[in-house]
Amino acid sequence: MSHRDGNGEIYAMNVDGAGQSNLTNGVGADSGPAWSPEGDLIAFTSYRCGFWVMRLMNDDGSGVYRITVNEDVNDSPSWKAGSFQIAFQSDRNSNLEVY
C-alpha cells in the first residue's frame, strides 16, 4: 500500500522495483493485499463505503467486488494454499476473531 497519491492505494511492481502500477483508485483507503495461490486474484481491505470490508479484484486491478457484507471491521486476508478460500479477521461479534 502507498499514500503517494494522497490516499491509501494498492500498487504492484516487479521485484527489481520497475513496472510500478496502481491497481486501485478508490475514494477511500485500500490496504492489506493478498495474492491468490494462482496469482490471478488479489483480496484486500477497503474503506470505500465508510467501514472496513473485504474486496476481491483481478491481478490487474479490474473486476473489483465486495466479498463481505457486514459493517464491522473485516481485514487481514490470507489465502488457503491450493484453494479458493480466504481467512480474515473480523470484529463482527464485538470480539476480533478469524473467519
N, C-alpha and C. Protein backbone atom coordinates (compact mmCIF):
# COMPACT_ATOMS: atom_id res chain seq x y z
N MET A 1 0.84 -1.17 0.00
CA MET A 1 0.00 0.00 0.00
C MET A 1 0.89 1.23 0.00
N SER A 2 0.41 2.27 -0.66
CA SER A 2 1.14 3.52 -0.73
C SER A 2 0.17 4.69 -0.58
N HIS A 3 0.66 5.78 0.01
CA HIS A 3 -0.12 7.01 0.12
C HIS A 3 0.40 8.08 -0.85
N ARG A 4 1.17 7.68 -1.83
CA ARG A 4 1.79 8.65 -2.74
C ARG A 4 0.79 9.52 -3.49
N ASP A 5 -0.45 9.04 -3.63
CA ASP A 5 -1.48 9.81 -4.31
C ASP A 5 -2.41 10.53 -3.34
N GLY A 6 -2.04 10.53 -2.04
CA GLY A 6 -2.85 11.20 -1.03
C GLY A 6 -3.93 10.32 -0.43
N ASN A 7 -4.00 9.07 -0.88
CA ASN A 7 -5.00 8.14 -0.40
C ASN A 7 -4.35 6.75 -0.40
N GLY A 8 -4.71 5.89 0.53
CA GLY A 8 -4.15 4.55 0.56
C GLY A 8 -4.56 3.75 -0.67
N GLU A 9 -3.61 3.39 -1.49
CA GLU A 9 -3.87 2.63 -2.72
C GLU A 9 -2.94 1.44 -2.80
N ILE A 10 -3.31 0.43 -3.57
CA ILE A 10 -2.51 -0.76 -3.74
C ILE A 10 -1.79 -0.69 -5.08
N TYR A 11 -0.48 -0.93 -5.03
CA TYR A 11 0.36 -0.93 -6.22
C TYR A 11 1.00 -2.29 -6.40
N ALA A 12 1.40 -2.60 -7.62
CA ALA A 12 2.19 -3.80 -7.92
C ALA A 12 3.43 -3.36 -8.66
N MET A 13 4.50 -4.14 -8.54
CA MET A 13 5.73 -3.84 -9.26
C MET A 13 6.56 -5.11 -9.39
N ASN A 14 7.53 -5.07 -10.27
CA ASN A 14 8.48 -6.17 -10.41
C ASN A 14 9.39 -6.19 -9.19
N VAL A 15 10.04 -7.31 -8.92
CA VAL A 15 10.90 -7.42 -7.75
C VAL A 15 12.09 -6.45 -7.80
N ASP A 16 12.46 -5.97 -8.99
CA ASP A 16 13.56 -5.01 -9.10
C ASP A 16 13.08 -3.56 -8.94
N GLY A 17 11.76 -3.36 -8.68
CA GLY A 17 11.20 -2.02 -8.49
C GLY A 17 10.67 -1.40 -9.76
N ALA A 18 10.90 -2.02 -10.90
CA ALA A 18 10.42 -1.49 -12.17
C ALA A 18 8.96 -1.90 -12.41
N GLY A 19 8.33 -1.24 -13.36
CA GLY A 19 6.98 -1.61 -13.76
C GLY A 19 5.92 -1.36 -12.71
N GLN A 20 6.03 -0.29 -11.95
CA GLN A 20 5.04 0.01 -10.91
C GLN A 20 3.71 0.40 -11.54
N SER A 21 2.62 -0.15 -11.00
CA SER A 21 1.29 0.21 -11.50
C SER A 21 0.31 0.29 -10.33
N ASN A 22 -0.54 1.28 -10.38
CA ASN A 22 -1.58 1.48 -9.37
C ASN A 22 -2.73 0.53 -9.69
N LEU A 23 -3.04 -0.40 -8.78
CA LEU A 23 -4.11 -1.36 -9.01
C LEU A 23 -5.46 -0.88 -8.51
N THR A 24 -5.47 0.02 -7.53
CA THR A 24 -6.74 0.54 -7.00
C THR A 24 -6.74 2.05 -7.14
N ASN A 25 -7.91 2.59 -7.25
CA ASN A 25 -8.07 4.04 -7.36
C ASN A 25 -9.41 4.42 -6.75
N GLY A 26 -9.67 3.91 -5.53
CA GLY A 26 -10.95 4.12 -4.89
C GLY A 26 -11.03 5.45 -4.15
N VAL A 27 -12.22 5.78 -3.74
CA VAL A 27 -12.46 7.00 -2.99
C VAL A 27 -11.87 6.91 -1.60
N GLY A 28 -11.97 5.74 -0.97
CA GLY A 28 -11.43 5.51 0.36
C GLY A 28 -10.14 4.72 0.29
N ALA A 29 -9.56 4.45 1.44
CA ALA A 29 -8.29 3.74 1.51
C ALA A 29 -8.45 2.26 1.17
N ASP A 30 -7.45 1.72 0.50
CA ASP A 30 -7.35 0.29 0.21
C ASP A 30 -6.02 -0.19 0.76
N SER A 31 -6.00 -1.36 1.40
CA SER A 31 -4.76 -1.84 2.02
C SER A 31 -4.78 -3.36 2.16
N GLY A 32 -3.69 -3.91 2.68
CA GLY A 32 -3.60 -5.32 3.03
C GLY A 32 -3.80 -6.29 1.89
N PRO A 33 -3.16 -6.10 0.74
CA PRO A 33 -3.39 -7.02 -0.38
C PRO A 33 -2.82 -8.41 -0.12
N ALA A 34 -3.50 -9.42 -0.62
CA ALA A 34 -3.04 -10.81 -0.53
C ALA A 34 -3.31 -11.49 -1.87
N TRP A 35 -2.26 -11.95 -2.54
CA TRP A 35 -2.38 -12.62 -3.84
C TRP A 35 -2.94 -14.02 -3.64
N SER A 36 -3.80 -14.45 -4.54
CA SER A 36 -4.31 -15.83 -4.53
C SER A 36 -3.17 -16.78 -4.87
N PRO A 37 -3.29 -18.05 -4.49
CA PRO A 37 -2.23 -19.02 -4.80
C PRO A 37 -1.90 -19.10 -6.29
N GLU A 38 -2.88 -18.91 -7.15
CA GLU A 38 -2.65 -18.95 -8.60
C GLU A 38 -2.10 -17.64 -9.14
N GLY A 39 -2.16 -16.57 -8.33
CA GLY A 39 -1.64 -15.27 -8.73
C GLY A 39 -2.55 -14.46 -9.62
N ASP A 40 -3.79 -14.89 -9.80
CA ASP A 40 -4.69 -14.17 -10.70
C ASP A 40 -5.68 -13.26 -9.98
N LEU A 41 -5.79 -13.38 -8.66
CA LEU A 41 -6.71 -12.56 -7.87
C LEU A 41 -6.00 -11.96 -6.67
N ILE A 42 -6.53 -10.84 -6.19
CA ILE A 42 -5.99 -10.18 -5.01
C ILE A 42 -7.16 -9.87 -4.07
N ALA A 43 -7.07 -10.36 -2.84
CA ALA A 43 -8.03 -9.98 -1.79
C ALA A 43 -7.41 -8.81 -1.05
N PHE A 44 -8.23 -7.85 -0.64
CA PHE A 44 -7.71 -6.68 0.08
C PHE A 44 -8.77 -6.06 0.96
N THR A 45 -8.33 -5.20 1.85
CA THR A 45 -9.21 -4.47 2.76
C THR A 45 -9.49 -3.10 2.18
N SER A 46 -10.73 -2.64 2.29
CA SER A 46 -11.11 -1.38 1.68
C SER A 46 -12.02 -0.56 2.60
N TYR A 47 -11.81 0.75 2.60
CA TYR A 47 -12.63 1.67 3.39
C TYR A 47 -13.39 2.62 2.46
N ARG A 48 -13.87 2.14 1.35
CA ARG A 48 -14.57 2.96 0.35
C ARG A 48 -15.99 3.32 0.74
N CYS A 49 -16.61 2.53 1.60
CA CYS A 49 -18.03 2.74 1.91
C CYS A 49 -18.26 3.17 3.36
N GLY A 50 -17.21 3.67 4.03
CA GLY A 50 -17.37 4.17 5.38
C GLY A 50 -17.07 3.18 6.48
N PHE A 51 -16.72 1.96 6.13
CA PHE A 51 -16.29 0.94 7.09
C PHE A 51 -15.39 -0.04 6.34
N TRP A 52 -14.59 -0.82 7.10
CA TRP A 52 -13.62 -1.74 6.50
C TRP A 52 -14.29 -3.02 6.03
N VAL A 53 -14.19 -3.30 4.74
CA VAL A 53 -14.74 -4.52 4.14
C VAL A 53 -13.65 -5.22 3.35
N MET A 54 -13.92 -6.47 2.99
CA MET A 54 -13.00 -7.23 2.14
C MET A 54 -13.49 -7.12 0.70
N ARG A 55 -12.55 -6.91 -0.20
CA ARG A 55 -12.86 -6.88 -1.63
C ARG A 55 -11.93 -7.82 -2.36
N LEU A 56 -12.31 -8.16 -3.57
CA LEU A 56 -11.53 -9.04 -4.43
C LEU A 56 -11.39 -8.36 -5.78
N MET A 57 -10.22 -8.50 -6.41
CA MET A 57 -10.02 -7.94 -7.74
C MET A 57 -9.10 -8.85 -8.55
N ASN A 58 -9.11 -8.67 -9.85
CA ASN A 58 -8.18 -9.37 -10.73
C ASN A 58 -6.78 -8.83 -10.49
N ASP A 59 -5.77 -9.55 -10.93
CA ASP A 59 -4.38 -9.15 -10.69
C ASP A 59 -3.98 -7.86 -11.39
N ASP A 60 -4.80 -7.37 -12.31
CA ASP A 60 -4.51 -6.10 -12.98
C ASP A 60 -5.33 -4.94 -12.41
N GLY A 61 -6.09 -5.19 -11.34
CA GLY A 61 -6.90 -4.15 -10.69
C GLY A 61 -8.32 -4.06 -11.21
N SER A 62 -8.67 -4.84 -12.22
CA SER A 62 -10.03 -4.81 -12.77
C SER A 62 -10.94 -5.75 -11.99
N GLY A 63 -12.24 -5.63 -12.25
CA GLY A 63 -13.20 -6.56 -11.67
C GLY A 63 -13.32 -6.52 -10.17
N VAL A 64 -13.24 -5.34 -9.56
CA VAL A 64 -13.31 -5.21 -8.10
C VAL A 64 -14.74 -5.46 -7.61
N TYR A 65 -14.87 -6.34 -6.62
CA TYR A 65 -16.18 -6.50 -5.99
C TYR A 65 -16.02 -6.84 -4.51
N ARG A 66 -17.04 -6.49 -3.77
CA ARG A 66 -17.06 -6.66 -2.32
C ARG A 66 -17.41 -8.09 -1.96
N ILE A 67 -16.67 -8.68 -0.99
CA ILE A 67 -16.95 -10.06 -0.60
C ILE A 67 -17.43 -10.20 0.84
N THR A 68 -17.40 -9.14 1.65
CA THR A 68 -18.04 -9.18 2.97
C THR A 68 -19.18 -8.16 2.95
N VAL A 69 -20.25 -8.47 3.67
CA VAL A 69 -21.44 -7.63 3.61
C VAL A 69 -21.76 -6.89 4.90
N ASN A 70 -21.19 -7.32 6.01
CA ASN A 70 -21.49 -6.65 7.27
C ASN A 70 -20.71 -5.33 7.39
N GLU A 71 -21.09 -4.50 8.35
CA GLU A 71 -20.46 -3.18 8.51
C GLU A 71 -19.46 -3.17 9.65
N ASP A 72 -18.91 -4.31 10.00
CA ASP A 72 -17.89 -4.41 11.03
C ASP A 72 -16.52 -4.40 10.37
N VAL A 73 -15.47 -4.33 11.17
CA VAL A 73 -14.11 -4.36 10.63
C VAL A 73 -13.83 -5.76 10.09
N ASN A 74 -13.43 -5.84 8.82
CA ASN A 74 -13.04 -7.08 8.17
C ASN A 74 -11.71 -6.80 7.48
N ASP A 75 -10.62 -7.46 7.92
CA ASP A 75 -9.33 -7.16 7.31
C ASP A 75 -8.36 -8.33 7.41
N SER A 76 -7.14 -8.12 6.96
CA SER A 76 -6.03 -9.08 7.01
C SER A 76 -6.32 -10.38 6.26
N PRO A 77 -6.64 -10.31 4.97
CA PRO A 77 -6.92 -11.53 4.22
C PRO A 77 -5.69 -12.41 4.04
N SER A 78 -5.93 -13.71 4.00
CA SER A 78 -4.87 -14.68 3.75
C SER A 78 -5.49 -15.87 3.02
N TRP A 79 -4.96 -16.20 1.85
CA TRP A 79 -5.50 -17.29 1.04
C TRP A 79 -5.04 -18.65 1.56
N LYS A 80 -5.90 -19.63 1.49
CA LYS A 80 -5.53 -21.01 1.77
C LYS A 80 -4.86 -21.57 0.52
N ALA A 81 -3.69 -22.16 0.69
CA ALA A 81 -2.93 -22.70 -0.45
C ALA A 81 -3.76 -23.72 -1.23
N GLY A 82 -3.74 -23.57 -2.55
CA GLY A 82 -4.41 -24.52 -3.41
C GLY A 82 -5.92 -24.49 -3.38
N SER A 83 -6.50 -23.41 -2.86
CA SER A 83 -7.97 -23.35 -2.80
C SER A 83 -8.47 -21.94 -3.08
N PHE A 84 -9.78 -21.80 -3.07
CA PHE A 84 -10.41 -20.51 -3.28
C PHE A 84 -10.99 -19.99 -1.96
N GLN A 85 -10.35 -20.33 -0.83
CA GLN A 85 -10.80 -19.89 0.48
C GLN A 85 -9.88 -18.81 1.02
N ILE A 86 -10.49 -17.84 1.73
CA ILE A 86 -9.74 -16.74 2.33
C ILE A 86 -10.05 -16.69 3.82
N ALA A 87 -9.02 -16.67 4.65
CA ALA A 87 -9.19 -16.43 6.08
C ALA A 87 -9.00 -14.92 6.30
N PHE A 88 -9.74 -14.36 7.23
CA PHE A 88 -9.61 -12.93 7.55
C PHE A 88 -10.07 -12.71 8.98
N GLN A 89 -9.74 -11.55 9.52
CA GLN A 89 -10.20 -11.24 10.88
C GLN A 89 -11.35 -10.26 10.82
N SER A 90 -12.24 -10.39 11.79
CA SER A 90 -13.42 -9.52 11.84
C SER A 90 -13.83 -9.33 13.30
N ASP A 91 -14.41 -8.16 13.59
CA ASP A 91 -14.93 -7.92 14.94
C ASP A 91 -16.46 -7.94 14.93
N ARG A 92 -17.04 -8.69 14.01
CA ARG A 92 -18.49 -8.72 13.84
C ARG A 92 -19.26 -9.19 15.07
N ASN A 93 -18.61 -9.90 15.98
CA ASN A 93 -19.25 -10.34 17.21
C ASN A 93 -18.71 -9.56 18.41
N SER A 94 -18.26 -8.35 18.17
CA SER A 94 -17.68 -7.49 19.20
C SER A 94 -16.43 -8.09 19.82
N ASN A 95 -15.81 -9.00 19.10
CA ASN A 95 -14.59 -9.65 19.55
C ASN A 95 -13.80 -10.01 18.29
N LEU A 96 -12.58 -9.55 18.18
CA LEU A 96 -11.77 -9.83 17.00
C LEU A 96 -11.49 -11.32 16.87
N GLU A 97 -11.97 -11.93 15.78
CA GLU A 97 -11.82 -13.36 15.55
C GLU A 97 -11.45 -13.62 14.09
N VAL A 98 -10.98 -14.84 13.82
CA VAL A 98 -10.64 -15.24 12.47
C VAL A 98 -11.82 -15.97 11.85
N TYR A 99 -12.13 -15.63 10.61
CA TYR A 99 -13.24 -16.26 9.86
C TYR A 99 -12.69 -16.86 8.59
